[in-house]
Amino acid sequence: MTQLDHLRPEARNAPESGIVAVMSHGRNKEGMIPLWAGEGDLPTPTFISDAASRALAAGETFYTWQRGIPELREALARYYTRHFGKAFAAEEFIVATSGMHAIQLALDAVAGHGDEVVYLSPAWPNFAAAAGIAGAKPVAVTLDRSGNGWTCDVEKVAAAITPATRAIFINTPSNPTGWTADSETLAAILALARERGLWVIADEIYSLFYYGGRRAPSFLDVMLPDDRIMFVNSFSKNWAMTGWRVGWLKVHPELQQVFENLMQYSISGVPAFLQRGAVAALDEGDAFIAQQVERAHAARDIVCERLLATGRVDLSPPAGAFYAFFRIDGITDTTSAAFDIIDNANVGLAPGTAFGAGGDDYFRLCFHRRLDQIEEAADRLARWISRR
């Protein structure tokens, strides 16, 4: 027996990230254009960093509110009111250490050993892994792919539900596919959850990275006040704060004490000085977000045009998020191909094998970078494809 044999099997069997594997392979390669991770290339804006620095210098280094400082929860309510067109209250929000932590808290609240959670795939791998570590069984329902892009068949979701199902996890706009649910699909999923007595865990982190209007459709557009929906989100994408590890949940006010307790017994509160930066992001950051979305839209068009011009790429321009999820004719082993692209094209992609059912023969490219790098990366990829 080894020490590993004495660990919980859920921890012992937690999967290695296929994204991290390619990042580790090419991270220090000179001239690399890294499009493997889900982040942009800009550092956090100074109006956010300065707010955090001022708070740190002022001595905000003590234990703080478990639910989040009141100022941040109020700023979240203002942000939602601006972007979703209805009134929100500070009592609906809990501050977490990252969107990933928000997901773990939601899972802690609704699912455990013997339970199942349905999710749409291909998917960001962390949700399914987190469910498995919690002891629940993640059940993948594959999105459908056609010449018009990705779609969700709600009847397939219904067929995946069993008496053990406790929740449906929906990420829209989606990482990695860019699939974005319309209001009718969201309403149908919500009706199914109501009928079966299930929670919905809604990951709408990319709702403002939407190329068909002001923002993507949201469960907030179709839900009733007492619907059983937990929203998980993060400061990472909108405000270039991936390294800050600050996120939030939006939940019914009745759940506040439960989530305060879960916060206490996990991380005991998010550092106050980081929360001050998050307040600045929410209150002063709308123009920065708009600039990032405009740049990502232009980058999306460059990537799609260059790759489709090879005549060997299957790619639908994503409606939301900032990823191109595509196939290359003749490539079936995307893991080995991703390593070869790093070595011979100096471009970092994530292999589709990292994203679960329905994604094996795809690659994910994050185009949330400055346009000259995107143009160069697309040209390098096109040359690599031409040599295959």
Protein backbone atom coordinates (compact mmCIF):
# COMPACT_ATOMS: atom_id res chain seq x y z
CA MET A 1 0.00 0.00 0.00
CA THR A 2 1.23 3.49 -0.82
CA GLN A 3 0.16 6.79 0.71
CA LEU A 4 -2.00 7.36 -2.37
CA ASP A 5 -4.03 4.27 -1.53
CA HIS A 6 -5.15 5.89 1.72
CA LEU A 7 -6.63 9.00 0.07
CA ARG A 8 -10.30 9.41 -0.83
CA PRO A 9 -10.80 7.90 -4.29
CA GLU A 10 -12.48 11.13 -5.43
CA ALA A 11 -9.27 13.04 -4.71
CA ARG A 12 -6.97 10.31 -5.98
CA ASN A 13 -8.86 10.08 -9.27
CA ALA A 14 -9.18 13.82 -9.93
CA PRO A 15 -8.16 14.22 -13.60
CA GLU A 16 -5.08 16.06 -14.73
CA SER A 17 -6.01 19.11 -16.78
CA GLY A 18 -5.33 18.63 -20.48
CA ILE A 19 -5.06 22.40 -20.79
CA VAL A 20 -2.36 22.67 -18.14
CA ALA A 21 -0.41 19.86 -19.81
CA VAL A 22 0.07 21.80 -23.05
CA MET A 23 0.76 25.01 -21.13
CA SER A 24 3.51 23.30 -19.16
CA HIS A 25 5.03 21.97 -22.39
CA GLY A 26 5.26 25.33 -24.15
CA ARG A 27 5.19 27.97 -21.44
CA ASN A 28 8.86 28.99 -21.74
CA LYS A 29 9.23 28.58 -25.51
CA GLU A 30 10.65 31.71 -27.11
CA GLY A 31 8.27 33.47 -29.49
CA MET A 32 5.27 31.42 -28.36
CA ILE A 33 1.82 32.92 -28.92
CA PRO A 34 -0.13 31.36 -26.03
CA LEU A 35 -3.79 30.92 -26.95
CA TRP A 36 -4.35 27.89 -24.72
CA ALA A 37 -5.76 29.52 -21.56
CA GLY A 38 -9.00 31.41 -21.11
CA GLU A 39 -7.59 34.85 -20.48
CA GLY A 40 -6.60 37.97 -22.37
CA ASP A 41 -3.19 39.56 -22.65
CA LEU A 42 -3.82 42.81 -20.77
CA PRO A 43 -2.91 43.34 -17.12
CA THR A 44 -5.58 44.55 -14.74
CA PRO A 45 -6.41 48.23 -15.40
CA THR A 46 -4.82 50.69 -13.00
CA PHE A 47 -8.13 52.08 -11.73
CA ILE A 48 -8.77 48.63 -10.26
CA SER A 49 -5.24 47.91 -9.02
CA ASP A 50 -4.92 51.36 -7.47
CA ALA A 51 -8.12 50.88 -5.46
CA ALA A 52 -6.76 47.62 -4.07
CA SER A 53 -3.37 49.19 -3.36
CA ARG A 54 -4.94 52.06 -1.45
CA ALA A 55 -6.91 49.64 0.68
CA LEU A 56 -3.81 47.54 1.35
CA ALA A 57 -1.82 50.63 2.31
CA ALA A 58 -4.67 51.74 4.58
CA GLY A 59 -4.39 48.51 6.55
CA GLU A 60 -7.41 46.57 5.26
CA THR A 61 -5.68 43.30 6.05
CA PHE A 62 -7.92 41.88 8.78
CA TYR A 63 -10.70 39.31 8.80
CA THR A 64 -13.69 40.65 6.94
CA TRP A 65 -17.33 40.00 6.16
CA GLN A 66 -17.94 36.37 5.25
CA ARG A 67 -20.52 37.34 2.65
CA GLY A 68 -18.34 40.10 1.19
CA ILE A 69 -17.92 43.70 2.22
CA PRO A 70 -21.21 45.61 2.00
CA GLU A 71 -19.76 48.02 -0.56
CA LEU A 72 -18.97 45.20 -2.97
CA ARG A 73 -22.32 43.51 -2.61
CA GLU A 74 -24.01 46.86 -3.24
CA ALA A 75 -21.79 47.42 -6.30
CA LEU A 76 -22.80 43.99 -7.62
CA ALA A 77 -26.45 44.96 -7.26
CA ARG A 78 -25.81 48.19 -9.21
CA TYR A 79 -23.91 46.31 -11.93
CA TYR A 80 -26.76 43.82 -12.39
CA THR A 81 -29.35 46.59 -12.44
CA ARG A 82 -27.44 48.38 -15.22
CA HIS A 83 -26.94 45.34 -17.39
CA PHE A 84 -30.09 43.31 -16.74
CA GLY A 85 -32.67 46.07 -16.52
CA LYS A 86 -34.33 45.28 -13.20
CA ALA A 87 -33.75 45.97 -9.53
CA PHE A 88 -31.37 43.80 -7.50
CA ALA A 89 -30.46 43.89 -3.82
CA ALA A 90 -27.13 43.46 -2.07
CA GLU A 91 -28.70 40.57 -0.11
CA GLU A 92 -28.68 38.45 -3.28
CA PHE A 93 -24.87 38.31 -3.55
CA ILE A 94 -22.08 36.33 -1.88
CA VAL A 95 -18.42 37.12 -2.66
CA ALA A 96 -16.19 34.10 -3.30
CA THR A 97 -12.55 33.47 -4.08
CA SER A 98 -13.02 33.04 -7.84
CA GLY A 99 -15.72 31.67 -10.06
CA MET A 100 -14.30 28.20 -9.46
CA HIS A 101 -14.86 28.62 -5.73
CA ALA A 102 -18.40 29.85 -6.43
CA ILE A 103 -19.05 26.64 -8.37
CA GLN A 104 -17.66 24.53 -5.53
CA LEU A 105 -19.91 26.31 -3.03
CA ALA A 106 -22.96 25.75 -5.25
CA LEU A 107 -22.10 22.06 -5.54
CA ASP A 108 -21.54 21.82 -1.78
CA ALA A 109 -25.05 23.20 -1.31
CA VAL A 110 -26.93 20.87 -3.67
CA ALA A 111 -25.01 17.68 -4.52
CA GLY A 112 -22.90 15.03 -2.86
CA HIS A 113 -22.36 11.27 -2.71
CA GLY A 114 -24.95 9.37 -4.70
CA ASP A 115 -26.22 12.47 -6.47
CA GLU A 116 -25.94 13.37 -10.16
CA VAL A 117 -25.49 16.72 -11.87
CA VAL A 118 -26.28 17.14 -15.57
CA TYR A 119 -24.13 19.47 -17.67
CA LEU A 120 -23.65 20.34 -21.34
CA SER A 121 -20.54 19.13 -23.17
CA PRO A 122 -18.03 19.94 -24.65
CA ALA A 123 -17.39 21.91 -21.50
CA TRP A 124 -14.79 23.66 -19.42
CA PRO A 125 -13.44 20.64 -17.55
CA ASN A 126 -13.36 22.11 -14.06
CA PHE A 127 -17.08 21.78 -13.35
CA ALA A 128 -17.27 18.05 -14.00
CA ALA A 129 -14.06 17.48 -12.05
CA ALA A 130 -15.32 19.53 -9.11
CA ALA A 131 -18.57 17.56 -9.06
CA GLY A 132 -16.63 14.31 -9.03
CA ILE A 133 -14.38 15.47 -6.18
CA ALA A 134 -17.52 16.40 -4.23
CA GLY A 135 -18.66 12.80 -4.66
CA ALA A 136 -21.42 13.54 -7.17
CA LYS A 137 -21.62 12.01 -10.63
CA PRO A 138 -21.33 14.51 -13.52
CA VAL A 139 -23.58 13.46 -16.42
CA ALA A 140 -22.64 14.93 -19.80
CA VAL A 141 -25.25 15.86 -22.43
CA THR A 142 -23.55 16.67 -25.71
CA LEU A 143 -24.44 19.76 -27.66
CA ASP A 144 -25.42 19.10 -31.26
CA ARG A 145 -23.18 20.36 -34.06
CA SER A 146 -24.34 21.29 -37.56
CA GLY A 147 -23.35 23.70 -40.30
CA ASN A 148 -25.18 26.40 -38.36
CA GLY A 149 -23.14 25.91 -35.21
CA TRP A 150 -23.85 24.37 -31.83
CA THR A 151 -27.32 23.82 -30.38
CA CYS A 152 -28.81 22.33 -27.23
CA ASP A 153 -31.50 19.67 -27.52
CA VAL A 154 -33.52 20.10 -24.33
CA GLU A 155 -35.09 16.67 -24.85
CA LYS A 156 -31.62 15.15 -24.51
CA VAL A 157 -31.21 17.02 -21.24
CA ALA A 158 -34.55 15.65 -20.03
CA ALA A 159 -33.54 12.10 -21.00
CA ALA A 160 -30.35 12.38 -18.91
CA ILE A 161 -32.25 13.20 -15.70
CA THR A 162 -32.71 10.35 -13.22
CA PRO A 163 -34.10 10.16 -9.67
CA ALA A 164 -30.55 10.88 -8.48
CA THR A 165 -30.25 14.17 -10.39
CA ARG A 166 -30.05 17.26 -8.21
CA ALA A 167 -29.03 20.04 -10.59
CA ILE A 168 -28.44 21.13 -14.18
CA PHE A 169 -25.30 23.16 -14.85
CA ILE A 170 -25.59 25.57 -17.80
CA ASN A 171 -22.69 27.67 -19.10
CA THR A 172 -23.83 30.20 -21.70
CA PRO A 173 -22.12 31.73 -23.60
CA SER A 174 -20.12 28.55 -23.51
CA ASN A 175 -16.48 27.74 -22.97
CA PRO A 176 -15.23 26.20 -25.27
CA THR A 177 -17.83 26.16 -28.06
CA GLY A 178 -19.18 29.70 -27.93
CA TRP A 179 -22.71 28.24 -27.95
CA THR A 180 -25.10 30.86 -26.63
CA ALA A 181 -28.58 29.89 -25.52
CA ASP A 182 -31.49 31.94 -26.81
CA SER A 183 -34.29 32.95 -24.45
CA GLU A 184 -36.51 30.12 -25.66
CA THR A 185 -33.90 27.49 -24.81
CA LEU A 186 -33.29 29.00 -21.39
CA ALA A 187 -37.03 29.03 -20.71
CA ALA A 188 -37.32 25.38 -21.77
CA ILE A 189 -34.43 24.33 -19.49
CA LEU A 190 -35.95 26.28 -16.62
CA ALA A 191 -39.36 24.69 -17.21
CA LEU A 192 -37.70 21.26 -17.12
CA ALA A 193 -35.93 22.09 -13.85
CA ARG A 194 -39.21 23.27 -12.32
CA GLU A 195 -41.02 20.13 -13.47
CA ARG A 196 -38.36 17.79 -12.07
CA GLY A 197 -37.65 19.77 -8.90
CA LEU A 198 -34.03 20.52 -9.80
CA TRP A 199 -31.62 23.35 -9.18
CA VAL A 200 -30.07 25.24 -12.06
CA ILE A 201 -26.44 26.35 -11.61
CA ALA A 202 -26.02 29.13 -14.17
CA ASP A 203 -22.52 30.12 -15.26
CA GLU A 204 -22.99 33.34 -17.24
CA ILE A 205 -19.44 34.61 -16.90
CA TYR A 206 -19.26 35.53 -20.61
CA SER A 207 -22.66 37.25 -20.83
CA LEU A 208 -21.12 40.57 -21.91
CA PHE A 209 -18.75 38.88 -24.40
CA TYR A 210 -21.60 38.54 -26.87
CA TYR A 211 -21.46 39.45 -30.56
CA GLY A 212 -25.17 39.64 -31.30
CA GLY A 213 -26.18 42.57 -29.12
CA ARG A 214 -25.62 44.33 -25.82
CA ARG A 215 -25.42 41.10 -23.83
CA ALA A 216 -26.34 37.45 -24.14
CA PRO A 217 -29.76 36.14 -23.09
CA SER A 218 -29.82 35.21 -19.41
CA PHE A 219 -31.86 33.09 -17.04
CA LEU A 220 -32.54 36.44 -15.37
CA ASP A 221 -34.70 37.30 -18.38
CA VAL A 222 -37.01 34.30 -17.95
CA MET A 223 -36.96 33.35 -14.26
CA LEU A 224 -39.42 34.08 -11.47
CA PRO A 225 -38.19 35.35 -8.09
CA ASP A 226 -38.55 31.97 -6.37
CA ASP A 227 -36.99 29.82 -9.10
CA ARG A 228 -34.21 27.59 -7.81
CA ILE A 229 -31.28 29.12 -9.70
CA MET A 230 -27.78 29.82 -8.41
CA PHE A 231 -25.66 32.11 -10.56
CA VAL A 232 -21.88 31.68 -10.40
CA ASN A 233 -19.55 34.30 -11.80
CA SER A 234 -16.07 35.81 -11.65
CA PHE A 235 -14.19 39.05 -12.05
CA SER A 236 -11.57 37.24 -14.15
CA LYS A 237 -12.76 37.77 -17.72
CA ASN A 238 -14.54 41.13 -17.89
CA TRP A 239 -11.92 43.14 -16.05
CA ALA A 240 -8.64 41.27 -16.79
CA MET A 241 -8.45 39.95 -13.22
CA THR A 242 -7.73 36.24 -13.72
CA GLY A 243 -4.96 36.23 -11.12
CA TRP A 244 -6.98 38.01 -8.45
CA ARG A 245 -9.22 34.98 -7.75
CA VAL A 246 -12.36 36.90 -6.83
CA GLY A 247 -15.84 35.81 -7.88
CA TRP A 248 -19.41 35.78 -6.62
CA LEU A 249 -22.70 33.93 -6.39
CA LYS A 250 -26.13 35.40 -6.91
CA VAL A 251 -28.67 33.44 -4.88
CA HIS A 252 -32.07 33.89 -3.27
CA PRO A 253 -31.78 35.97 -0.07
CA GLU A 254 -33.14 33.00 1.91
CA LEU A 255 -29.85 31.19 1.20
CA GLN A 256 -27.55 33.90 2.55
CA GLN A 257 -26.87 32.32 5.95
CA VAL A 258 -26.19 28.90 4.43
CA PHE A 259 -23.63 30.36 2.06
CA GLU A 260 -22.09 32.48 4.80
CA ASN A 261 -21.54 29.24 6.71
CA LEU A 262 -20.03 27.54 3.65
CA MET A 263 -17.72 30.52 3.20
CA GLN A 264 -16.67 30.36 6.86
CA TYR A 265 -15.74 26.70 6.57
CA SER A 266 -13.87 27.02 3.28
CA ILE A 267 -11.93 30.29 3.00
CA SER A 268 -13.32 32.51 5.80
CA GLY A 269 -13.76 35.55 3.61
CA VAL A 270 -12.14 37.18 0.59
CA PRO A 271 -9.31 39.66 1.41
CA ALA A 272 -10.86 43.09 1.89
CA PHE A 273 -8.28 44.94 -0.19
CA LEU A 274 -9.02 42.69 -3.18
CA GLN A 275 -12.70 43.44 -2.75
CA ARG A 276 -11.98 47.18 -2.92
CA GLY A 277 -10.46 46.61 -6.35
CA ALA A 278 -13.54 44.63 -7.34
CA VAL A 279 -15.78 47.56 -6.33
CA ALA A 280 -13.80 49.81 -8.67
CA ALA A 281 -14.09 47.24 -11.46
CA LEU A 282 -17.86 47.14 -11.19
CA ASP A 283 -18.44 50.87 -10.79
CA GLU A 284 -15.84 52.19 -13.22
CA GLY A 285 -15.22 49.32 -15.64
CA ASP A 286 -18.07 49.33 -18.18
CA ALA A 287 -16.05 51.24 -20.78
CA PHE A 288 -13.12 48.86 -20.36
CA ILE A 289 -15.42 45.88 -20.91
CA ALA A 290 -16.87 47.44 -24.04
CA GLN A 291 -13.38 47.98 -25.46
CA GLN A 292 -12.43 44.37 -24.75
CA VAL A 293 -15.57 43.01 -26.38
CA GLU A 294 -14.99 45.17 -29.48
CA ARG A 295 -11.42 43.92 -29.78
CA ALA A 296 -12.48 40.30 -29.23
CA HIS A 297 -15.12 40.64 -31.94
CA ALA A 298 -12.49 41.82 -34.43
CA ALA A 299 -10.13 39.03 -33.35
CA ARG A 300 -12.87 36.43 -33.78
CA ASP A 301 -13.43 37.55 -37.35
CA ILE A 302 -9.71 37.42 -38.15
CA VAL A 303 -9.34 33.88 -36.79
CA CYS A 304 -12.42 32.56 -38.53
CA GLU A 305 -11.55 34.12 -41.88
CA ARG A 306 -7.93 32.89 -41.90
CA LEU A 307 -8.68 29.35 -40.75
CA LEU A 308 -11.70 28.84 -42.97
CA ALA A 309 -9.65 30.08 -45.94
CA THR A 310 -7.45 26.97 -45.64
CA GLY A 311 -10.39 24.87 -46.84
CA ARG A 312 -9.55 22.27 -44.21
CA VAL A 313 -11.09 23.71 -41.07
CA ASP A 314 -14.59 23.10 -39.71
CA LEU A 315 -15.46 26.17 -37.64
CA SER A 316 -18.62 28.10 -36.80
CA PRO A 317 -18.04 31.71 -35.66
CA PRO A 318 -18.98 31.71 -31.96
CA ALA A 319 -21.88 33.88 -30.87
CA GLY A 320 -20.31 34.54 -27.49
CA ALA A 321 -17.28 34.05 -25.21
CA PHE A 322 -13.82 34.39 -26.80
CA TYR A 323 -12.91 30.96 -28.13
CA ALA A 324 -12.75 29.36 -31.56
CA PHE A 325 -13.53 25.65 -31.30
CA PHE A 326 -12.61 23.97 -34.56
CA ARG A 327 -11.65 20.75 -36.34
CA ILE A 328 -8.88 20.25 -38.89
CA ASP A 329 -9.45 17.70 -41.65
CA GLY A 330 -7.37 14.58 -41.11
CA ILE A 331 -6.49 15.32 -37.46
CA THR A 332 -7.99 12.83 -35.02
CA ASP A 333 -5.45 12.89 -32.18
CA THR A 334 -5.73 16.50 -31.04
CA THR A 335 -3.58 15.97 -27.97
CA SER A 336 -0.46 14.99 -29.91
CA ALA A 337 -1.31 17.57 -32.58
CA ALA A 338 -1.48 20.35 -29.96
CA PHE A 339 2.04 19.47 -28.83
CA ASP A 340 3.22 19.43 -32.45
CA ILE A 341 1.65 22.84 -33.08
CA ILE A 342 3.56 24.19 -30.08
CA ASP A 343 6.83 22.70 -31.33
CA ASN A 344 6.49 23.56 -35.02
CA ALA A 345 4.13 26.53 -35.27
CA ASN A 346 4.87 28.25 -31.97
CA VAL A 347 1.18 28.62 -31.19
CA GLY A 348 -0.42 27.28 -28.04
CA LEU A 349 -3.85 25.67 -28.39
CA ALA A 350 -5.86 23.52 -25.99
CA PRO A 351 -6.73 20.05 -27.32
CA GLY A 352 -10.40 19.17 -27.54
CA THR A 353 -9.75 16.07 -25.45
CA ALA A 354 -9.60 18.40 -22.44
CA PHE A 355 -13.27 19.36 -22.84
CA GLY A 356 -15.02 16.03 -22.53
CA ALA A 357 -17.71 14.32 -24.57
CA GLY A 358 -18.15 15.71 -28.06
CA GLY A 359 -14.88 17.61 -28.11
CA ASP A 360 -12.17 15.03 -28.79
CA ASP A 361 -11.37 15.99 -32.38
CA TYR A 362 -11.49 19.76 -31.83
CA PHE A 363 -9.03 22.43 -30.77
CA ARG A 364 -9.78 25.47 -28.62
CA LEU A 365 -8.14 28.79 -29.46
CA CYS A 366 -8.56 31.78 -27.17
CA PHE A 367 -8.63 34.89 -29.40
CA HIS A 368 -8.80 37.44 -26.57
CA ARG A 369 -5.48 39.09 -27.43
CA ARG A 370 -4.20 42.05 -29.38
CA LEU A 371 -4.96 41.86 -33.09
CA ASP A 372 -1.41 41.71 -34.44
CA GLN A 373 -0.75 38.58 -32.36
CA ILE A 374 -4.01 37.04 -33.51
CA GLU A 375 -3.14 37.70 -37.15
CA GLU A 376 0.31 36.17 -36.70
CA ALA A 377 -1.05 33.15 -34.85
CA ALA A 378 -3.69 32.54 -37.51
CA ASP A 379 -1.04 32.73 -40.25
CA ARG A 380 1.22 30.28 -38.39
CA LEU A 381 -1.67 27.86 -37.97
CA ALA A 382 -2.63 28.14 -41.62
CA ARG A 383 0.94 27.29 -42.64
CA TRP A 384 1.01 24.34 -40.22
CA ILE A 385 -2.28 23.05 -41.67
CA SER A 386 -0.98 23.37 -45.23
CA ARG A 387 1.96 21.11 -44.35
CA ARG A 388 -0.21 18.30 -42.97
